[in-house]
Amino acid sequence: MASINGTIVLGGVTDKQLEMIWGHKAKHEGAFSFLPQTMQTQNLGQNRVVYNNVQFAYGNLQGLNLITEIVNEIEKREKQATAVNQ
């Protein structure tokens, strides 16, 4: 039987998004790995910082699905924020 595993890397992650990631990690402990030690900060000025090289690792379909859920939630919130600011 084939196995599923891999990594997903995000860039431009905000503090608020990082908090959401930590919440998912705590809620689904062991389903996927979040590797905060790999993150790199990028200063955007005006007290704005984002994180690049935000890495997740998964070793089964459940982990992949949870990471996909996180990415979809980040995208959904970004679209909502953009719509409010227009």
C-alpha atoms as a PDB file:
ATOM      1  CA  MET A   1       0.000   0.000   0.000  1.00  0.00           C
ATOM      2  CA  ALA A   2       1.277   3.445  -0.902  1.00  0.00           C
ATOM      3  CA  SER A   3       1.995   5.904   1.878  1.00  0.00           C
ATOM      4  CA  ILE A   4       1.400   9.617   1.869  1.00  0.00           C
ATOM      5  CA  ASN A   5       3.818  12.077   3.458  1.00  0.00           C
ATOM      6  CA  GLY A   6       5.378  15.380   2.688  1.00  0.00           C
ATOM      7  CA  THR A   7       5.910  18.988   3.629  1.00  0.00           C
ATOM      8  CA  ILE A   8       4.142  22.231   2.852  1.00  0.00           C
ATOM      9  CA  VAL A   9       5.836  25.603   3.186  1.00  0.00           C
ATOM     10  CA  LEU A  10       4.034  28.934   3.539  1.00  0.00           C
ATOM     11  CA  GLY A  11       5.359  32.467   3.260  1.00  0.00           C
ATOM     12  CA  GLY A  12       3.988  35.813   4.330  1.00  0.00           C
ATOM     13  CA  VAL A  13       2.257  34.451   7.431  1.00  0.00           C
ATOM     14  CA  THR A  14       1.066  37.134   9.870  1.00  0.00           C
ATOM     15  CA  ASP A  15       1.015  37.007  13.669  1.00  0.00           C
ATOM     16  CA  LYS A  16      -2.751  36.462  13.631  1.00  0.00           C
ATOM     17  CA  GLN A  17      -2.403  33.579  11.153  1.00  0.00           C
ATOM     18  CA  LEU A  18       0.381  32.112  13.260  1.00  0.00           C
ATOM     19  CA  GLU A  19      -1.931  32.132  16.285  1.00  0.00           C
ATOM     20  CA  MET A  20      -4.531  30.241  14.255  1.00  0.00           C
ATOM     21  CA  ILE A  21      -1.897  27.673  13.220  1.00  0.00           C
ATOM     22  CA  TRP A  22      -0.892  27.124  16.864  1.00  0.00           C
ATOM     23  CA  GLY A  23      -4.567  26.649  17.754  1.00  0.00           C
ATOM     24  CA  HIS A  24      -4.996  23.938  15.115  1.00  0.00           C
ATOM     25  CA  LYS A  25      -1.762  22.301  16.239  1.00  0.00           C
ATOM     26  CA  ALA A  26      -2.966  22.157  19.854  1.00  0.00           C
ATOM     27  CA  LYS A  27      -6.402  20.898  18.851  1.00  0.00           C
ATOM     28  CA  HIS A  28      -5.038  18.135  16.601  1.00  0.00           C
ATOM     29  CA  GLU A  29      -1.853  17.167  18.448  1.00  0.00           C
ATOM     30  CA  GLY A  30       0.134  14.544  16.572  1.00  0.00           C
ATOM     31  CA  ALA A  31      -1.807  14.754  13.290  1.00  0.00           C
ATOM     32  CA  PHE A  32       0.846  16.926  11.652  1.00  0.00           C
ATOM     33  CA  SER A  33       4.111  18.596  12.569  1.00  0.00           C
ATOM     34  CA  PHE A  34       4.583  22.340  12.640  1.00  0.00           C
ATOM     35  CA  LEU A  35       8.243  23.340  12.493  1.00  0.00           C
ATOM     36  CA  PRO A  36       8.490  26.879  13.931  1.00  0.00           C
ATOM     37  CA  GLN A  37      12.275  26.701  14.217  1.00  0.00           C
ATOM     38  CA  THR A  38      12.493  27.019  10.420  1.00  0.00           C
ATOM     39  CA  MET A  39      10.580  30.314  10.266  1.00  0.00           C
ATOM     40  CA  GLN A  40      12.279  33.484   9.133  1.00  0.00           C
ATOM     41  CA  THR A  41      10.946  36.923   9.964  1.00  0.00           C
ATOM     42  CA  GLN A  42      10.565  39.631   7.372  1.00  0.00           C
ATOM     43  CA  ASN A  43      10.115  43.219   8.523  1.00  0.00           C
ATOM     44  CA  LEU A  44       7.633  45.065   6.297  1.00  0.00           C
ATOM     45  CA  GLY A  45       8.031  48.368   8.127  1.00  0.00           C
ATOM     46  CA  GLN A  46       5.522  50.288  10.228  1.00  0.00           C
ATOM     47  CA  ASN A  47       5.716  47.588  12.941  1.00  0.00           C
ATOM     48  CA  ARG A  48       4.544  44.907  10.474  1.00  0.00           C
ATOM     49  CA  VAL A  49       6.296  41.553  10.449  1.00  0.00           C
ATOM     50  CA  VAL A  50       5.490  38.404   8.486  1.00  0.00           C
ATOM     51  CA  TYR A  51       7.006  34.947   8.693  1.00  0.00           C
ATOM     52  CA  ASN A  52       8.435  33.029   5.765  1.00  0.00           C
ATOM     53  CA  ASN A  53       9.482  29.391   5.531  1.00  0.00           C
ATOM     54  CA  VAL A  54       6.585  28.306   7.781  1.00  0.00           C
ATOM     55  CA  GLN A  55       6.836  24.522   7.440  1.00  0.00           C
ATOM     56  CA  PHE A  56       4.371  21.736   8.084  1.00  0.00           C
ATOM     57  CA  ALA A  57       5.043  18.019   7.735  1.00  0.00           C
ATOM     58  CA  TYR A  58       2.515  15.214   7.501  1.00  0.00           C
ATOM     59  CA  GLY A  59       2.726  11.447   7.433  1.00  0.00           C
ATOM     60  CA  ASN A  60      -0.844  10.488   6.618  1.00  0.00           C
ATOM     61  CA  LEU A  61      -3.955  11.712   4.847  1.00  0.00           C
ATOM     62  CA  GLN A  62      -5.438  13.160   8.046  1.00  0.00           C
ATOM     63  CA  GLY A  63      -2.402  15.393   8.484  1.00  0.00           C
ATOM     64  CA  LEU A  64      -2.548  16.560   4.870  1.00  0.00           C
ATOM     65  CA  ASN A  65      -6.264  17.317   5.219  1.00  0.00           C
ATOM     66  CA  LEU A  66      -5.702  19.346   8.387  1.00  0.00           C
ATOM     67  CA  ILE A  67      -2.918  21.378   6.797  1.00  0.00           C
ATOM     68  CA  THR A  68      -5.157  21.989   3.781  1.00  0.00           C
ATOM     69  CA  GLU A  69      -7.872  23.168   6.181  1.00  0.00           C
ATOM     70  CA  ILE A  70      -5.423  25.633   7.746  1.00  0.00           C
ATOM     71  CA  VAL A  71      -4.328  26.992   4.363  1.00  0.00           C
ATOM     72  CA  ASN A  72      -7.956  27.343   3.245  1.00  0.00           C
ATOM     73  CA  GLU A  73      -8.824  29.205   6.461  1.00  0.00           C
ATOM     74  CA  ILE A  74      -5.889  31.593   5.959  1.00  0.00           C
ATOM     75  CA  GLU A  75      -7.007  32.269   2.385  1.00  0.00           C
ATOM     76  CA  LYS A  76     -10.640  32.772   3.453  1.00  0.00           C
ATOM     77  CA  ARG A  77      -9.675  35.276   6.159  1.00  0.00           C
ATOM     78  CA  GLU A  78      -7.394  37.166   3.750  1.00  0.00           C
ATOM     79  CA  LYS A  79     -10.233  37.486   1.220  1.00  0.00           C
ATOM     80  CA  GLN A  80     -12.603  38.716   3.946  1.00  0.00           C
ATOM     81  CA  ALA A  81     -10.053  41.284   5.152  1.00  0.00           C
ATOM     82  CA  THR A  82      -9.474  42.495   1.591  1.00  0.00           C
ATOM     83  CA  ALA A  83     -13.218  42.855   0.995  1.00  0.00           C
ATOM     84  CA  VAL A  84     -13.640  44.881   4.205  1.00  0.00           C
ATOM     85  CA  ASN A  85     -10.754  47.195   3.315  1.00  0.00           C
ATOM     86  CA  GLN A  86     -12.079  48.050  -0.148  1.00  0.00           C
END
